[in-house]
Amino acid sequence: MIWHLGLPTDALQKGPTLYDVTVDGTGPFGPIDQLQYAIDLNEYASAATTVPGTMFGVAHSIEEATSQLKKIADKY
């Protein structure tokens, strides 16, 4: 599951940036071991979702442009 903390700039400028997270639950074979993490949002202040200049970024841009072109073509 994913929980968004908001915009990165908002999360880093307001309030605490260090969080203690505890994860526990029950899986198909019973309870799982409890896990604890310390998350420091300052470590992600300059992180990018993709490395600039990778083929993944190029492929994503092409897919996005293709999608937009299809929307335009469908109008005609």
N, C-alpha and C. Protein backbone atom coordinates (compact mmCIF):
# COMPACT_ATOMS: atom_id res chain seq x y z
N MET A 1 0.84 -1.16 0.00
CA MET A 1 0.00 0.00 0.00
C MET A 1 0.89 1.24 0.00
N ILE A 2 0.39 2.29 -0.57
CA ILE A 2 1.15 3.53 -0.67
C ILE A 2 0.36 4.64 0.00
N TRP A 3 1.02 5.41 0.85
CA TRP A 3 0.44 6.59 1.46
C TRP A 3 1.26 7.77 1.02
N HIS A 4 0.63 8.77 0.45
CA HIS A 4 1.33 9.96 0.01
C HIS A 4 1.35 10.98 1.15
N LEU A 5 2.50 11.60 1.34
CA LEU A 5 2.65 12.60 2.39
C LEU A 5 2.35 13.99 1.88
N GLY A 6 2.00 14.12 0.61
CA GLY A 6 1.76 15.43 0.01
C GLY A 6 2.90 15.79 -0.93
N LEU A 7 2.91 17.03 -1.34
CA LEU A 7 3.98 17.49 -2.22
C LEU A 7 5.31 17.42 -1.48
N PRO A 8 6.38 16.99 -2.15
CA PRO A 8 7.68 16.89 -1.47
C PRO A 8 8.11 18.20 -0.81
N THR A 9 7.88 19.31 -1.50
CA THR A 9 8.31 20.59 -0.93
C THR A 9 7.52 20.91 0.33
N ASP A 10 6.25 20.56 0.37
CA ASP A 10 5.44 20.79 1.56
C ASP A 10 5.88 19.89 2.72
N ALA A 11 6.12 18.63 2.42
CA ALA A 11 6.49 17.68 3.46
C ALA A 11 7.84 18.03 4.10
N LEU A 12 8.74 18.60 3.31
CA LEU A 12 10.07 18.91 3.83
C LEU A 12 10.14 20.27 4.52
N GLN A 13 9.19 21.14 4.25
CA GLN A 13 9.23 22.48 4.83
C GLN A 13 8.39 22.61 6.09
N LYS A 14 7.46 21.73 6.28
CA LYS A 14 6.55 21.83 7.42
C LYS A 14 6.79 20.67 8.38
N GLY A 15 6.81 20.98 9.64
CA GLY A 15 6.83 19.94 10.66
C GLY A 15 8.05 19.05 10.64
N PRO A 16 7.91 17.88 11.28
CA PRO A 16 9.06 16.98 11.40
C PRO A 16 9.39 16.31 10.07
N THR A 17 10.64 15.95 9.92
CA THR A 17 11.05 15.21 8.73
C THR A 17 11.51 13.80 9.08
N LEU A 18 11.54 13.47 10.37
CA LEU A 18 11.94 12.14 10.82
C LEU A 18 10.72 11.42 11.37
N TYR A 19 10.42 10.24 10.80
CA TYR A 19 9.25 9.48 11.21
C TYR A 19 9.67 8.07 11.60
N ASP A 20 9.06 7.54 12.64
CA ASP A 20 9.22 6.14 13.01
C ASP A 20 7.97 5.42 12.53
N VAL A 21 8.16 4.38 11.72
CA VAL A 21 7.04 3.65 11.13
C VAL A 21 7.11 2.20 11.60
N THR A 22 5.97 1.70 12.06
CA THR A 22 5.88 0.30 12.48
C THR A 22 4.88 -0.40 11.57
N VAL A 23 5.29 -1.56 11.05
CA VAL A 23 4.43 -2.33 10.14
C VAL A 23 4.16 -3.69 10.79
N ASP A 24 2.88 -4.00 10.93
CA ASP A 24 2.51 -5.34 11.38
C ASP A 24 1.25 -5.76 10.65
N GLY A 25 0.99 -7.03 10.64
CA GLY A 25 -0.19 -7.50 9.93
C GLY A 25 -0.29 -9.01 9.99
N THR A 26 -1.27 -9.51 9.28
CA THR A 26 -1.50 -10.94 9.20
C THR A 26 -1.52 -11.34 7.74
N GLY A 27 -0.72 -12.33 7.41
CA GLY A 27 -0.66 -12.84 6.04
C GLY A 27 -1.48 -14.11 5.92
N PRO A 28 -1.39 -14.76 4.77
CA PRO A 28 -2.20 -15.98 4.56
C PRO A 28 -1.80 -17.13 5.49
N PHE A 29 -0.60 -17.05 6.10
CA PHE A 29 -0.15 -18.12 6.99
C PHE A 29 -0.06 -17.65 8.44
N GLY A 30 -0.74 -16.56 8.76
CA GLY A 30 -0.76 -16.06 10.12
C GLY A 30 -0.06 -14.72 10.26
N PRO A 31 0.21 -14.32 11.50
CA PRO A 31 0.82 -13.01 11.75
C PRO A 31 2.22 -12.92 11.15
N ILE A 32 2.58 -11.72 10.71
CA ILE A 32 3.93 -11.49 10.20
C ILE A 32 4.75 -10.81 11.30
N ASP A 33 6.07 -10.94 11.20
CA ASP A 33 6.94 -10.27 12.16
C ASP A 33 6.77 -8.76 12.03
N GLN A 34 6.74 -8.11 13.17
CA GLN A 34 6.62 -6.65 13.17
C GLN A 34 7.93 -6.04 12.69
N LEU A 35 7.83 -5.07 11.80
CA LEU A 35 9.00 -4.37 11.26
C LEU A 35 8.94 -2.91 11.68
N GLN A 36 10.09 -2.34 11.99
CA GLN A 36 10.15 -0.94 12.36
C GLN A 36 11.19 -0.24 11.50
N TYR A 37 10.84 0.95 11.03
CA TYR A 37 11.71 1.73 10.17
C TYR A 37 11.78 3.17 10.68
N ALA A 38 12.94 3.77 10.55
CA ALA A 38 13.10 5.20 10.79
C ALA A 38 13.27 5.82 9.41
N ILE A 39 12.39 6.74 9.06
CA ILE A 39 12.42 7.36 7.74
C ILE A 39 12.73 8.84 7.91
N ASP A 40 13.80 9.28 7.28
CA ASP A 40 14.18 10.69 7.31
C ASP A 40 13.90 11.28 5.93
N LEU A 41 12.87 12.12 5.85
CA LEU A 41 12.49 12.69 4.55
C LEU A 41 13.57 13.57 3.95
N ASN A 42 14.48 14.09 4.77
CA ASN A 42 15.56 14.91 4.23
C ASN A 42 16.45 14.13 3.27
N GLU A 43 16.49 12.81 3.42
CA GLU A 43 17.29 11.98 2.52
C GLU A 43 16.70 11.96 1.11
N TYR A 44 15.44 12.33 0.97
CA TYR A 44 14.77 12.31 -0.32
C TYR A 44 14.60 13.71 -0.92
N ALA A 45 15.19 14.71 -0.29
CA ALA A 45 14.99 16.09 -0.72
C ALA A 45 15.41 16.33 -2.16
N SER A 46 16.47 15.72 -2.60
CA SER A 46 16.93 15.95 -3.97
C SER A 46 16.88 14.67 -4.81
N ALA A 47 16.08 13.71 -4.38
CA ALA A 47 15.96 12.46 -5.11
C ALA A 47 15.04 12.63 -6.31
N ALA A 48 15.36 11.95 -7.38
CA ALA A 48 14.52 11.97 -8.59
C ALA A 48 13.86 10.60 -8.74
N THR A 49 12.68 10.58 -9.37
CA THR A 49 12.00 9.30 -9.58
C THR A 49 12.71 8.47 -10.64
N THR A 50 13.37 9.10 -11.55
CA THR A 50 14.19 8.40 -12.55
C THR A 50 15.49 9.17 -12.71
N VAL A 51 16.49 8.45 -13.13
CA VAL A 51 17.77 9.09 -13.38
C VAL A 51 17.64 9.90 -14.67
N PRO A 52 18.03 11.18 -14.67
CA PRO A 52 17.90 11.99 -15.89
C PRO A 52 18.69 11.38 -17.05
N GLY A 53 18.08 11.39 -18.21
CA GLY A 53 18.76 10.94 -19.42
C GLY A 53 18.72 9.46 -19.68
N THR A 54 17.88 8.71 -18.97
CA THR A 54 17.80 7.28 -19.21
C THR A 54 16.80 6.99 -20.33
N MET A 55 16.89 5.81 -20.88
CA MET A 55 15.95 5.39 -21.91
C MET A 55 14.54 5.27 -21.34
N PHE A 56 14.42 5.00 -20.06
CA PHE A 56 13.10 4.95 -19.43
C PHE A 56 12.40 6.29 -19.57
N GLY A 57 13.13 7.37 -19.33
CA GLY A 57 12.56 8.71 -19.46
C GLY A 57 12.15 9.02 -20.88
N VAL A 58 12.97 8.60 -21.84
CA VAL A 58 12.65 8.81 -23.26
C VAL A 58 11.40 8.03 -23.63
N ALA A 59 11.34 6.76 -23.20
CA ALA A 59 10.17 5.93 -23.52
C ALA A 59 8.90 6.51 -22.90
N HIS A 60 9.01 7.01 -21.67
CA HIS A 60 7.85 7.61 -21.02
C HIS A 60 7.37 8.84 -21.79
N SER A 61 8.30 9.67 -22.24
CA SER A 61 7.93 10.87 -23.01
C SER A 61 7.25 10.51 -24.32
N ILE A 62 7.74 9.46 -24.98
CA ILE A 62 7.14 9.02 -26.24
C ILE A 62 5.72 8.50 -25.99
N GLU A 63 5.54 7.72 -24.93
CA GLU A 63 4.21 7.20 -24.60
C GLU A 63 3.23 8.34 -24.31
N GLU A 64 3.70 9.32 -23.58
CA GLU A 64 2.85 10.46 -23.24
C GLU A 64 2.46 11.25 -24.48
N ALA A 65 3.42 11.49 -25.37
CA ALA A 65 3.14 12.22 -26.60
C ALA A 65 2.18 11.44 -27.50
N THR A 66 2.38 10.13 -27.56
CA THR A 66 1.51 9.28 -28.38
C THR A 66 0.08 9.32 -27.86
N SER A 67 -0.06 9.28 -26.56
CA SER A 67 -1.39 9.35 -25.95
C SER A 67 -2.09 10.66 -26.30
N GLN A 68 -1.37 11.76 -26.23
CA GLN A 68 -1.95 13.06 -26.55
C GLN A 68 -2.34 13.13 -28.03
N LEU A 69 -1.49 12.60 -28.89
CA LEU A 69 -1.79 12.61 -30.33
C LEU A 69 -3.03 11.77 -30.63
N LYS A 70 -3.18 10.64 -29.96
CA LYS A 70 -4.37 9.80 -30.16
C LYS A 70 -5.64 10.53 -29.75
N LYS A 71 -5.58 11.30 -28.66
CA LYS A 71 -6.73 12.06 -28.21
C LYS A 71 -7.13 13.09 -29.27
N ILE A 72 -6.15 13.75 -29.84
CA ILE A 72 -6.41 14.75 -30.89
C ILE A 72 -6.98 14.08 -32.13
N ALA A 73 -6.39 12.94 -32.55
CA ALA A 73 -6.84 12.25 -33.74
C ALA A 73 -8.27 11.73 -33.57
N ASP A 74 -8.63 11.30 -32.36
CA ASP A 74 -9.98 10.77 -32.12
C ASP A 74 -11.05 11.84 -32.29
N LYS A 75 -10.68 13.10 -32.15
CA LYS A 75 -11.64 14.19 -32.33
C LYS A 75 -12.02 14.36 -33.80
N TYR A 76 -11.17 13.90 -34.69
CA TYR A 76 -11.41 14.09 -36.11
C TYR A 76 -11.67 12.76 -36.72
